[in-house]
Every structure is written in structure tokens, then in C-alpha cells.
Amino acid sequence: MITVHPKVITRWVRYVCYTVVIVLLWQFLSDFSFLKVSAGDNSVLGVTGRRSLVVKNYDSEQARPERGEVVVFLMEGSDGAPIKRVARVAGIPGDRITAGAEFLEVNGEPTIFDASEAGRLAGRIPDGMYLLLNDNPYSTFADSRRTGLIPRQVIVGRFLVESPF
């Protein structure tokens, strides 16, 4: 009969526990990315855009941006290179955009944006497209009012928090 010293068993149990913790930690961290977002003019409240951001990726078809979420998306810069920007999801596929008496409306609910900015956005949002708007109605930052509806493919992920470093 082979006898195993209790310290050997304890060591193997520790190794298995470490392995499980590492695998779970790796799985958890693989859902997040650190991105540098282009500096803006405070387009979304509380986001300066001057530091790295932590973002949860929308990799699967089931993970879709929801109305009200702050997302990071890619847009073409003046030099043609893609830049990362932050905006809030104001409309999702199937929502109806109209120009109300004073304000741009989504599903009959007024936004903080002038109705004259509805222009080419009026109508139903098609599948795979999103209405992304700034929190600041006076911002010069390009959002859906200036660029049109944003395709799902250019939305990188959901904004979580600005990194302290």
C-alpha cells in the first residue's frame, strides 16, 4: 500500500485551487478591455475622455446595447483613421424618431435636443442601427445628429468606469 504524506495532499489541493482561481479570473477579465478614448468636450456627463476607459465587450449577438447605456464606438477621424468616442444610446432598433413641437422625440418621449436636429433621423430605427446622442445638447462632438444612425458593428462596448491611471 502506498502512503501519501498529508503535506503532499495539501500542496495538490492548493495547486488545484490556484488553477481554478486563475481560470475564473481570466474568464472574468476577458470580458473587459482598456481603451483610450479620444478627448472630447464632455459629451457624456462625468466622462472627460482623457484617460483610459474600462469597457465590457459586445462580442456575442445576444449582448446588445440597451437604451440609456453609455457606449464606446468607433468613428472616422479627420485623417481617416478610426477614433473611439463615448455617447449614450438614445434609440435602439424598432424605436421611432420624430421631431416634436420643440424637441427630438424617441417613441414619443422628448429628448433634450432641438427638434430641428431630427432632420434625416426621423422614422423607425432599422435593425442593426442605433441612435447615439451626447448628454450635452450644445456639444460640438459628432453624434447621431450629425453622423446619422450608428451601425452595431462600430459599437465597441459598454462604458464602465474611467481608469485612474
N, C-alpha and C. Protein backbone atom coordinates (compact mmCIF):
# COMPACT_ATOMS: atom_id res chain seq x y z
N MET A 1 0.83 -1.17 0.00
CA MET A 1 0.00 0.00 0.00
C MET A 1 0.88 1.24 0.00
N ILE A 2 0.48 2.19 -0.84
CA ILE A 2 1.23 3.43 -0.94
C ILE A 2 0.63 4.44 0.03
N THR A 3 1.47 5.05 0.80
CA THR A 3 1.00 6.08 1.72
C THR A 3 1.46 7.45 1.20
N VAL A 4 0.58 8.41 1.30
CA VAL A 4 0.88 9.76 0.86
C VAL A 4 0.88 10.66 2.07
N HIS A 5 1.93 11.43 2.15
CA HIS A 5 2.06 12.34 3.28
C HIS A 5 0.99 13.44 3.18
N PRO A 6 0.39 13.84 4.30
CA PRO A 6 -0.66 14.88 4.27
C PRO A 6 -0.20 16.20 3.64
N LYS A 7 1.09 16.53 3.75
CA LYS A 7 1.58 17.78 3.15
C LYS A 7 1.50 17.73 1.63
N VAL A 8 1.69 16.54 1.06
CA VAL A 8 1.61 16.39 -0.39
C VAL A 8 0.17 16.61 -0.85
N ILE A 9 -0.77 16.06 -0.14
CA ILE A 9 -2.19 16.23 -0.47
C ILE A 9 -2.56 17.71 -0.36
N THR A 10 -2.13 18.35 0.72
CA THR A 10 -2.42 19.76 0.92
C THR A 10 -1.84 20.61 -0.21
N ARG A 11 -0.63 20.28 -0.65
CA ARG A 11 0.01 21.02 -1.74
C ARG A 11 -0.79 20.86 -3.02
N TRP A 12 -1.25 19.66 -3.35
CA TRP A 12 -2.02 19.43 -4.56
C TRP A 12 -3.39 20.13 -4.51
N VAL A 13 -3.98 20.13 -3.34
CA VAL A 13 -5.26 20.85 -3.19
C VAL A 13 -5.03 22.33 -3.43
N ARG A 14 -3.95 22.88 -2.91
CA ARG A 14 -3.62 24.28 -3.14
C ARG A 14 -3.42 24.55 -4.63
N TYR A 15 -2.69 23.69 -5.33
CA TYR A 15 -2.46 23.86 -6.77
C TYR A 15 -3.77 23.87 -7.55
N VAL A 16 -4.65 22.96 -7.21
CA VAL A 16 -5.95 22.89 -7.88
C VAL A 16 -6.75 24.18 -7.60
N CYS A 17 -6.74 24.64 -6.36
CA CYS A 17 -7.46 25.87 -6.02
C CYS A 17 -6.88 27.06 -6.76
N TYR A 18 -5.55 27.19 -6.83
CA TYR A 18 -4.91 28.27 -7.57
C TYR A 18 -5.32 28.22 -9.05
N THR A 19 -5.33 27.03 -9.61
CA THR A 19 -5.68 26.88 -11.02
C THR A 19 -7.12 27.32 -11.27
N VAL A 20 -8.02 26.92 -10.39
CA VAL A 20 -9.42 27.30 -10.52
C VAL A 20 -9.57 28.83 -10.42
N VAL A 21 -8.89 29.44 -9.46
CA VAL A 21 -8.96 30.89 -9.29
C VAL A 21 -8.41 31.60 -10.52
N ILE A 22 -7.30 31.13 -11.06
CA ILE A 22 -6.70 31.75 -12.25
C ILE A 22 -7.63 31.64 -13.45
N VAL A 23 -8.23 30.47 -13.64
CA VAL A 23 -9.15 30.29 -14.77
C VAL A 23 -10.38 31.20 -14.62
N LEU A 24 -10.94 31.28 -13.42
CA LEU A 24 -12.10 32.15 -13.20
C LEU A 24 -11.73 33.62 -13.38
N LEU A 25 -10.57 34.03 -12.88
CA LEU A 25 -10.12 35.40 -13.04
C LEU A 25 -9.89 35.73 -14.52
N TRP A 26 -9.27 34.82 -15.24
CA TRP A 26 -9.04 35.03 -16.68
C TRP A 26 -10.37 35.16 -17.41
N GLN A 27 -11.33 34.32 -17.08
CA GLN A 27 -12.65 34.37 -17.71
C GLN A 27 -13.32 35.70 -17.43
N PHE A 28 -13.22 36.17 -16.19
CA PHE A 28 -13.82 37.45 -15.80
C PHE A 28 -13.16 38.60 -16.53
N LEU A 29 -11.83 38.63 -16.56
CA LEU A 29 -11.11 39.74 -17.18
C LEU A 29 -11.18 39.73 -18.70
N SER A 30 -11.47 38.59 -19.30
CA SER A 30 -11.56 38.56 -20.76
C SER A 30 -12.78 39.32 -21.28
N ASP A 31 -13.73 39.63 -20.40
CA ASP A 31 -14.90 40.42 -20.78
C ASP A 31 -14.63 41.91 -20.78
N PHE A 32 -13.44 42.34 -20.36
CA PHE A 32 -13.13 43.75 -20.23
C PHE A 32 -11.94 44.14 -21.09
N SER A 33 -11.89 45.40 -21.49
CA SER A 33 -10.79 45.95 -22.27
C SER A 33 -10.42 47.31 -21.71
N PHE A 34 -9.18 47.67 -21.86
CA PHE A 34 -8.74 49.02 -21.52
C PHE A 34 -8.52 49.77 -22.82
N LEU A 35 -9.26 50.88 -23.01
CA LEU A 35 -9.20 51.64 -24.25
C LEU A 35 -8.89 53.09 -23.95
N LYS A 36 -8.22 53.72 -24.86
CA LYS A 36 -8.00 55.17 -24.78
C LYS A 36 -9.02 55.82 -25.69
N VAL A 37 -9.90 56.60 -25.12
CA VAL A 37 -10.95 57.28 -25.88
C VAL A 37 -10.47 58.67 -26.24
N SER A 38 -10.78 59.11 -27.44
CA SER A 38 -10.37 60.43 -27.90
C SER A 38 -10.96 61.52 -27.02
N ALA A 39 -10.17 62.53 -26.77
CA ALA A 39 -10.62 63.65 -25.95
C ALA A 39 -11.81 64.32 -26.63
N GLY A 40 -12.81 64.63 -25.85
CA GLY A 40 -13.99 65.30 -26.39
C GLY A 40 -14.29 66.54 -25.59
N ASP A 41 -15.50 67.00 -25.67
CA ASP A 41 -15.89 68.19 -24.92
C ASP A 41 -16.95 67.81 -23.91
N ASN A 42 -16.66 66.82 -23.08
CA ASN A 42 -17.57 66.33 -22.06
C ASN A 42 -18.93 65.98 -22.66
N SER A 43 -18.90 65.16 -23.69
CA SER A 43 -20.12 64.80 -24.39
C SER A 43 -21.06 63.96 -23.55
N VAL A 44 -20.52 63.17 -22.62
CA VAL A 44 -21.34 62.38 -21.70
C VAL A 44 -20.98 62.81 -20.29
N LEU A 45 -21.98 63.07 -19.47
CA LEU A 45 -21.74 63.57 -18.12
C LEU A 45 -20.80 62.66 -17.35
N GLY A 46 -19.79 63.25 -16.73
CA GLY A 46 -18.86 62.50 -15.90
C GLY A 46 -17.74 61.82 -16.65
N VAL A 47 -17.68 61.94 -17.96
CA VAL A 47 -16.62 61.31 -18.75
C VAL A 47 -15.78 62.41 -19.36
N THR A 48 -14.50 62.46 -18.99
CA THR A 48 -13.63 63.50 -19.54
C THR A 48 -13.05 63.08 -20.87
N GLY A 49 -12.89 61.77 -21.09
CA GLY A 49 -12.36 61.27 -22.35
C GLY A 49 -10.86 61.44 -22.47
N ARG A 50 -10.21 61.74 -21.37
CA ARG A 50 -8.77 61.97 -21.44
C ARG A 50 -7.96 60.84 -20.81
N ARG A 51 -8.63 59.84 -20.30
CA ARG A 51 -7.96 58.71 -19.67
C ARG A 51 -8.42 57.40 -20.30
N SER A 52 -7.74 56.33 -19.93
CA SER A 52 -8.17 55.01 -20.41
C SER A 52 -9.50 54.66 -19.77
N LEU A 53 -10.31 53.94 -20.51
CA LEU A 53 -11.62 53.53 -20.02
C LEU A 53 -11.70 52.02 -19.95
N VAL A 54 -12.48 51.52 -19.03
CA VAL A 54 -12.71 50.09 -18.94
C VAL A 54 -14.04 49.81 -19.63
N VAL A 55 -14.04 48.88 -20.58
CA VAL A 55 -15.21 48.65 -21.41
C VAL A 55 -15.55 47.17 -21.44
N LYS A 56 -16.85 46.83 -21.31
CA LYS A 56 -17.28 45.45 -21.45
C LYS A 56 -17.63 45.24 -22.92
N ASN A 57 -17.06 44.24 -23.52
CA ASN A 57 -17.24 44.00 -24.95
C ASN A 57 -18.61 43.41 -25.28
N TYR A 58 -19.12 43.77 -26.46
CA TYR A 58 -20.34 43.18 -27.01
C TYR A 58 -19.91 42.17 -28.07
N ASP A 59 -19.41 41.02 -27.65
CA ASP A 59 -18.90 40.04 -28.61
C ASP A 59 -19.99 39.17 -29.20
N SER A 60 -20.95 38.79 -28.39
CA SER A 60 -21.97 37.85 -28.87
C SER A 60 -23.16 38.61 -29.46
N GLU A 61 -23.94 37.92 -30.25
CA GLU A 61 -25.12 38.50 -30.87
C GLU A 61 -26.18 38.83 -29.81
N GLN A 62 -26.19 38.08 -28.70
CA GLN A 62 -27.19 38.31 -27.66
C GLN A 62 -26.88 39.57 -26.85
N ALA A 63 -25.60 39.94 -26.74
CA ALA A 63 -25.20 41.12 -25.99
C ALA A 63 -25.36 42.35 -26.87
N ARG A 64 -26.42 43.09 -26.65
CA ARG A 64 -26.70 44.27 -27.46
C ARG A 64 -26.80 45.49 -26.58
N PRO A 65 -26.43 46.65 -27.11
CA PRO A 65 -26.59 47.89 -26.34
C PRO A 65 -28.05 48.14 -26.00
N GLU A 66 -28.30 48.62 -24.81
CA GLU A 66 -29.65 48.93 -24.36
C GLU A 66 -29.82 50.44 -24.26
N ARG A 67 -31.04 50.90 -24.37
CA ARG A 67 -31.34 52.32 -24.26
C ARG A 67 -30.87 52.84 -22.91
N GLY A 68 -30.17 53.98 -22.92
CA GLY A 68 -29.68 54.59 -21.70
C GLY A 68 -28.23 54.25 -21.36
N GLU A 69 -27.69 53.18 -21.96
CA GLU A 69 -26.30 52.82 -21.68
C GLU A 69 -25.35 53.81 -22.34
N VAL A 70 -24.20 53.98 -21.71
CA VAL A 70 -23.13 54.78 -22.30
C VAL A 70 -22.20 53.79 -22.99
N VAL A 71 -21.93 54.01 -24.28
CA VAL A 71 -21.13 53.07 -25.05
C VAL A 71 -19.93 53.77 -25.69
N VAL A 72 -18.94 52.96 -26.03
CA VAL A 72 -17.79 53.42 -26.79
C VAL A 72 -17.99 52.93 -28.22
N PHE A 73 -17.80 53.82 -29.19
CA PHE A 73 -17.96 53.44 -30.58
C PHE A 73 -16.84 54.04 -31.41
N LEU A 74 -16.64 53.47 -32.58
CA LEU A 74 -15.60 53.95 -33.50
C LEU A 74 -16.21 54.86 -34.53
N MET A 75 -15.51 55.91 -34.86
CA MET A 75 -15.91 56.77 -35.96
C MET A 75 -14.66 57.21 -36.70
N GLU A 76 -14.84 57.63 -37.92
CA GLU A 76 -13.70 58.02 -38.74
C GLU A 76 -13.25 59.42 -38.37
N GLY A 77 -11.96 59.57 -38.09
CA GLY A 77 -11.39 60.87 -37.76
C GLY A 77 -11.13 61.69 -39.01
N SER A 78 -10.65 62.90 -38.83
CA SER A 78 -10.39 63.79 -39.96
C SER A 78 -9.30 63.25 -40.87
N ASP A 79 -8.39 62.43 -40.31
CA ASP A 79 -7.32 61.84 -41.12
C ASP A 79 -7.70 60.48 -41.69
N GLY A 80 -8.93 60.05 -41.46
CA GLY A 80 -9.40 58.77 -41.99
C GLY A 80 -9.18 57.60 -41.05
N ALA A 81 -8.41 57.82 -39.98
CA ALA A 81 -8.14 56.75 -39.01
C ALA A 81 -9.32 56.65 -38.03
N PRO A 82 -9.63 55.44 -37.56
CA PRO A 82 -10.73 55.30 -36.61
C PRO A 82 -10.36 55.88 -35.24
N ILE A 83 -11.31 56.60 -34.63
CA ILE A 83 -11.12 57.10 -33.27
C ILE A 83 -12.27 56.58 -32.41
N LYS A 84 -12.01 56.45 -31.12
CA LYS A 84 -13.02 55.95 -30.20
C LYS A 84 -13.70 57.12 -29.51
N ARG A 85 -15.02 57.09 -29.47
CA ARG A 85 -15.82 58.13 -28.84
C ARG A 85 -16.81 57.51 -27.87
N VAL A 86 -17.38 58.34 -26.99
CA VAL A 86 -18.34 57.89 -26.00
C VAL A 86 -19.66 58.64 -26.23
N ALA A 87 -20.78 57.91 -26.19
CA ALA A 87 -22.11 58.52 -26.32
C ALA A 87 -23.13 57.63 -25.63
N ARG A 88 -24.31 58.17 -25.42
CA ARG A 88 -25.39 57.42 -24.76
C ARG A 88 -26.35 56.87 -25.80
N VAL A 89 -26.80 55.63 -25.62
CA VAL A 89 -27.76 55.01 -26.53
C VAL A 89 -29.13 55.64 -26.25
N ALA A 90 -29.65 56.40 -27.22
CA ALA A 90 -30.94 57.06 -27.07
C ALA A 90 -32.04 56.30 -27.79
N GLY A 91 -31.66 55.49 -28.79
CA GLY A 91 -32.65 54.73 -29.53
C GLY A 91 -32.07 53.41 -30.00
N ILE A 92 -32.89 52.36 -29.93
CA ILE A 92 -32.49 51.02 -30.34
C ILE A 92 -33.34 50.59 -31.53
N PRO A 93 -32.96 49.50 -32.22
CA PRO A 93 -33.75 49.07 -33.38
C PRO A 93 -35.24 48.93 -33.04
N GLY A 94 -36.08 49.50 -33.91
CA GLY A 94 -37.52 49.44 -33.72
C GLY A 94 -38.11 50.72 -33.12
N ASP A 95 -37.28 51.55 -32.49
CA ASP A 95 -37.77 52.81 -31.92
C ASP A 95 -38.14 53.78 -33.04
N ARG A 96 -39.06 54.69 -32.75
CA ARG A 96 -39.49 55.69 -33.72
C ARG A 96 -38.96 57.06 -33.30
N ILE A 97 -38.30 57.73 -34.25
CA ILE A 97 -37.74 59.06 -34.02
C ILE A 97 -38.62 60.07 -34.74
N THR A 98 -39.03 61.13 -34.03
CA THR A 98 -39.84 62.18 -34.64
C THR A 98 -39.36 63.54 -34.13
N ALA A 99 -39.71 64.57 -34.88
CA ALA A 99 -39.44 65.93 -34.45
C ALA A 99 -40.70 66.43 -33.77
N GLY A 100 -40.65 66.60 -32.45
CA GLY A 100 -41.81 67.10 -31.72
C GLY A 100 -41.93 68.61 -31.90
N ALA A 101 -42.80 69.22 -31.09
CA ALA A 101 -43.01 70.67 -31.19
C ALA A 101 -41.71 71.43 -30.93
N GLU A 102 -40.95 71.00 -29.91
CA GLU A 102 -39.70 71.68 -29.59
C GLU A 102 -38.49 70.77 -29.65
N PHE A 103 -38.68 69.49 -29.25
CA PHE A 103 -37.55 68.61 -29.07
C PHE A 103 -37.62 67.36 -29.95
N LEU A 104 -36.46 66.79 -30.21
CA LEU A 104 -36.36 65.49 -30.87
C LEU A 104 -37.00 64.46 -29.93
N GLU A 105 -37.87 63.61 -30.47
CA GLU A 105 -38.56 62.63 -29.63
C GLU A 105 -38.21 61.22 -30.06
N VAL A 106 -38.07 60.33 -29.08
CA VAL A 106 -37.84 58.91 -29.32
C VAL A 106 -39.01 58.18 -28.67
N ASN A 107 -39.81 57.48 -29.49
CA ASN A 107 -41.01 56.78 -29.02
C ASN A 107 -41.96 57.72 -28.27
N GLY A 108 -42.07 58.96 -28.74
CA GLY A 108 -42.97 59.92 -28.13
C GLY A 108 -42.41 60.62 -26.90
N GLU A 109 -41.25 60.22 -26.43
CA GLU A 109 -40.63 60.84 -25.26
C GLU A 109 -39.64 61.90 -25.74
N PRO A 110 -39.79 63.15 -25.26
CA PRO A 110 -38.86 64.20 -25.71
C PRO A 110 -37.46 64.00 -25.15
N THR A 111 -36.47 64.35 -25.96
CA THR A 111 -35.07 64.36 -25.51
C THR A 111 -34.70 65.80 -25.19
N ILE A 112 -33.46 66.06 -24.89
CA ILE A 112 -33.01 67.43 -24.61
C ILE A 112 -32.52 68.14 -25.86
N PHE A 113 -32.73 67.50 -27.03
CA PHE A 113 -32.20 68.05 -28.27
C PHE A 113 -33.27 68.77 -29.07
N ASP A 114 -32.88 69.84 -29.71
CA ASP A 114 -33.75 70.67 -30.51
C ASP A 114 -34.40 69.84 -31.63
N ALA A 115 -35.68 70.08 -31.89
CA ALA A 115 -36.42 69.33 -32.92
C ALA A 115 -35.81 69.52 -34.31
N SER A 116 -35.17 70.65 -34.54
CA SER A 116 -34.57 70.90 -35.85
C SER A 116 -33.44 69.92 -36.14
N GLU A 117 -32.92 69.26 -35.09
CA GLU A 117 -31.83 68.30 -35.27
C GLU A 117 -32.33 66.92 -35.67
N ALA A 118 -33.66 66.75 -35.74
CA ALA A 118 -34.21 65.44 -36.11
C ALA A 118 -33.98 65.16 -37.58
N GLY A 119 -34.15 66.20 -38.40
CA GLY A 119 -33.92 66.15 -39.84
C GLY A 119 -33.98 64.78 -40.47
N ARG A 120 -32.84 64.27 -40.88
CA ARG A 120 -32.77 62.99 -41.59
C ARG A 120 -32.91 61.78 -40.67
N LEU A 121 -33.04 62.00 -39.36
CA LEU A 121 -33.17 60.88 -38.42
C LEU A 121 -34.61 60.41 -38.28
N ALA A 122 -35.58 61.22 -38.69
CA ALA A 122 -36.99 60.89 -38.48
C ALA A 122 -37.35 59.54 -39.11
N GLY A 123 -38.14 58.77 -38.39
CA GLY A 123 -38.58 57.45 -38.86
C GLY A 123 -38.25 56.36 -37.86
N ARG A 124 -38.42 55.12 -38.28
CA ARG A 124 -38.15 53.97 -37.41
C ARG A 124 -36.69 53.57 -37.55
N ILE A 125 -36.06 53.23 -36.41
CA ILE A 125 -34.66 52.81 -36.44
C ILE A 125 -34.59 51.38 -36.95
N PRO A 126 -33.86 51.14 -38.05
CA PRO A 126 -33.79 49.78 -38.62
C PRO A 126 -32.94 48.84 -37.77
N ASP A 127 -33.09 47.53 -38.02
CA ASP A 127 -32.29 46.53 -37.31
C ASP A 127 -30.81 46.80 -37.53
N GLY A 128 -30.04 46.63 -36.48
CA GLY A 128 -28.59 46.78 -36.57
C GLY A 128 -28.10 48.21 -36.47
N MET A 129 -29.01 49.17 -36.26
CA MET A 129 -28.63 50.58 -36.17
C MET A 129 -29.05 51.13 -34.80
N TYR A 130 -28.34 52.16 -34.34
CA TYR A 130 -28.60 52.75 -33.04
C TYR A 130 -28.53 54.26 -33.12
N LEU A 131 -29.33 54.93 -32.29
CA LEU A 131 -29.30 56.39 -32.16
C LEU A 131 -28.43 56.69 -30.94
N LEU A 132 -27.27 57.29 -31.18
CA LEU A 132 -26.35 57.63 -30.09
C LEU A 132 -26.31 59.15 -29.97
N LEU A 133 -26.60 59.66 -28.76
CA LEU A 133 -26.62 61.10 -28.53
C LEU A 133 -25.74 61.45 -27.33
N ASN A 134 -25.24 62.68 -27.34
CA ASN A 134 -24.47 63.21 -26.22
C ASN A 134 -25.42 63.61 -25.10
N ASP A 135 -24.89 63.76 -23.89
CA ASP A 135 -25.69 64.29 -22.80
C ASP A 135 -25.76 65.82 -22.89
N ASN A 136 -24.80 66.41 -23.58
CA ASN A 136 -24.72 67.85 -23.70
C ASN A 136 -25.31 68.28 -25.05
N PRO A 137 -26.48 68.93 -25.06
CA PRO A 137 -27.10 69.29 -26.33
C PRO A 137 -26.32 70.35 -27.11
N TYR A 138 -25.41 71.05 -26.45
CA TYR A 138 -24.64 72.10 -27.12
C TYR A 138 -23.25 71.62 -27.54
N SER A 139 -22.99 70.35 -27.35
CA SER A 139 -21.70 69.78 -27.69
C SER A 139 -21.44 69.82 -29.18
N THR A 140 -20.19 70.05 -29.55
CA THR A 140 -19.81 70.02 -30.95
C THR A 140 -19.36 68.62 -31.36
N PHE A 141 -19.35 67.71 -30.42
CA PHE A 141 -18.95 66.32 -30.64
C PHE A 141 -19.92 65.66 -31.61
N ALA A 142 -19.39 64.94 -32.58
CA ALA A 142 -20.24 64.30 -33.59
C ALA A 142 -20.97 63.10 -33.00
N ASP A 143 -22.29 63.15 -32.98
CA ASP A 143 -23.11 62.02 -32.57
C ASP A 143 -24.11 61.75 -33.70
N SER A 144 -25.18 61.02 -33.41
CA SER A 144 -26.13 60.65 -34.47
C SER A 144 -26.81 61.85 -35.12
N ARG A 145 -26.88 62.98 -34.42
CA ARG A 145 -27.48 64.18 -35.02
C ARG A 145 -26.68 64.63 -36.23
N ARG A 146 -25.38 64.41 -36.20
CA ARG A 146 -24.51 64.88 -37.28
C ARG A 146 -24.07 63.76 -38.22
N THR A 147 -23.94 62.53 -37.67
CA THR A 147 -23.41 61.43 -38.49
C THR A 147 -24.48 60.46 -38.95
N GLY A 148 -25.70 60.60 -38.44
CA GLY A 148 -26.76 59.64 -38.75
C GLY A 148 -26.74 58.49 -37.77
N LEU A 149 -27.58 57.50 -38.01
CA LEU A 149 -27.64 56.34 -37.13
C LEU A 149 -26.32 55.58 -37.18
N ILE A 150 -25.97 54.97 -36.05
CA ILE A 150 -24.69 54.28 -35.91
C ILE A 150 -24.91 52.77 -36.03
N PRO A 151 -24.17 52.08 -36.91
CA PRO A 151 -24.33 50.63 -37.04
C PRO A 151 -23.77 49.88 -35.83
N ARG A 152 -24.37 48.77 -35.50
CA ARG A 152 -23.97 47.95 -34.35
C ARG A 152 -22.50 47.53 -34.45
N GLN A 153 -21.99 47.32 -35.66
CA GLN A 153 -20.62 46.82 -35.85
C GLN A 153 -19.56 47.78 -35.33
N VAL A 154 -19.85 49.08 -35.26
CA VAL A 154 -18.84 50.04 -34.79
C VAL A 154 -18.94 50.33 -33.30
N ILE A 155 -19.94 49.75 -32.63
CA ILE A 155 -20.05 49.92 -31.18
C ILE A 155 -19.14 48.89 -30.53
N VAL A 156 -18.10 49.39 -29.85
CA VAL A 156 -17.09 48.52 -29.25
C VAL A 156 -17.60 47.87 -27.99
N GLY A 157 -18.25 48.63 -27.12
CA GLY A 157 -18.73 48.05 -25.87
C GLY A 157 -19.34 49.09 -24.97
N ARG A 158 -19.75 48.64 -23.80
CA ARG A 158 -20.41 49.49 -22.81
C ARG A 158 -19.36 50.12 -21.90
N PHE A 159 -19.47 51.42 -21.69
CA PHE A 159 -18.58 52.15 -20.81
C PHE A 159 -18.86 51.74 -19.37
N LEU A 160 -17.82 51.43 -18.62
CA LEU A 160 -18.00 51.09 -17.22
C LEU A 160 -17.48 52.17 -16.29
N VAL A 161 -16.18 52.49 -16.41
CA VAL A 161 -15.58 53.45 -15.50
C VAL A 161 -14.28 53.98 -16.10
N GLU A 162 -13.95 55.21 -15.75
CA GLU A 162 -12.66 55.74 -16.17
C GLU A 162 -11.58 55.16 -15.28
N SER A 163 -10.49 54.83 -15.89
CA SER A 163 -9.36 54.26 -15.17
C SER A 163 -8.61 55.37 -14.44
N PRO A 164 -8.13 55.11 -13.23
CA PRO A 164 -7.39 56.15 -12.50
C PRO A 164 -5.97 56.35 -13.03
N PHE A 165 -5.51 55.48 -13.93
CA PHE A 165 -4.14 55.62 -14.45
C PHE A 165 -4.14 55.83 -15.93
